[in-house]
Amino acid sequence: MPEQFSEDEIAIVVDKGIAGSGANSTQDTGKLMGLLKGQLAGKADMGTVSSIFKRP
């Protein structure tokens, strides 16, 4: 199995995804998750990705 990303690494990918997709609220979670799923498959738990996106 590939090595898992740290929360800091996931946060960087999430920030780039937000900038690239224009996601700016929790209503855009599905849009962002769809974009990031392919990039993070096997490297990050998608629940962690979602919680990082939803942080204030």
Protein backbone atom coordinates (compact mmCIF):
# COMPACT_ATOMS: atom_id res chain seq x y z
CA MET A 1 0.00 0.00 0.00
CA PRO A 2 1.18 3.55 -0.67
CA GLU A 3 2.22 5.66 2.29
CA GLN A 4 -0.60 7.78 3.68
CA PHE A 5 -0.39 11.57 3.56
CA SER A 6 -0.12 13.49 6.83
CA GLU A 7 -2.89 15.94 7.75
CA ASP A 8 -0.61 18.81 6.72
CA GLU A 9 -0.06 17.26 3.29
CA ILE A 10 -3.79 16.66 2.90
CA ALA A 11 -4.51 20.27 3.88
CA ILE A 12 -2.17 21.49 1.12
CA VAL A 13 -3.99 19.37 -1.48
CA VAL A 14 -7.37 20.54 -0.14
CA ASP A 15 -6.28 24.20 -0.34
CA LYS A 16 -5.15 23.71 -3.94
CA GLY A 17 -8.43 21.96 -4.74
CA ILE A 18 -10.42 24.82 -3.24
CA ALA A 19 -8.46 27.34 -5.29
CA GLY A 20 -8.89 25.31 -8.47
CA SER A 21 -12.57 24.51 -8.08
CA GLY A 22 -13.86 27.67 -6.46
CA ALA A 23 -15.40 25.65 -3.62
CA ASN A 24 -16.08 28.01 -0.74
CA SER A 25 -18.77 26.52 1.47
CA THR A 26 -19.89 23.19 2.84
CA GLN A 27 -22.44 23.09 0.01
CA ASP A 28 -19.46 22.57 -2.32
CA THR A 29 -18.15 19.55 -0.39
CA GLY A 30 -19.32 17.05 -3.03
CA LYS A 31 -17.77 19.06 -5.83
CA LEU A 32 -14.43 19.26 -4.03
CA MET A 33 -14.46 15.63 -2.91
CA GLY A 34 -15.08 14.49 -6.48
CA LEU A 35 -12.12 16.51 -7.66
CA LEU A 36 -9.79 15.31 -4.91
CA LYS A 37 -10.83 11.66 -4.81
CA GLY A 38 -8.69 10.75 -7.80
CA GLN A 39 -5.69 12.69 -6.51
CA LEU A 40 -5.83 11.23 -3.02
CA ALA A 41 -7.01 7.68 -3.72
CA GLY A 42 -5.04 5.31 -1.52
CA LYS A 43 -3.09 8.19 0.01
CA ALA A 44 -5.65 9.74 2.35
CA ASP A 45 -8.83 8.87 4.19
CA MET A 46 -11.61 10.83 2.52
CA GLY A 47 -13.26 11.43 5.91
CA THR A 48 -10.13 13.29 6.97
CA VAL A 49 -10.19 15.24 3.71
CA SER A 50 -13.80 16.26 4.33
CA SER A 51 -13.13 17.31 7.93
CA ILE A 52 -10.17 19.45 6.82
CA PHE A 53 -12.36 21.17 4.21
CA LYS A 54 -15.06 21.86 6.78
CA ARG A 55 -12.70 23.44 9.31
CA PRO A 56 -13.44 27.10 9.98
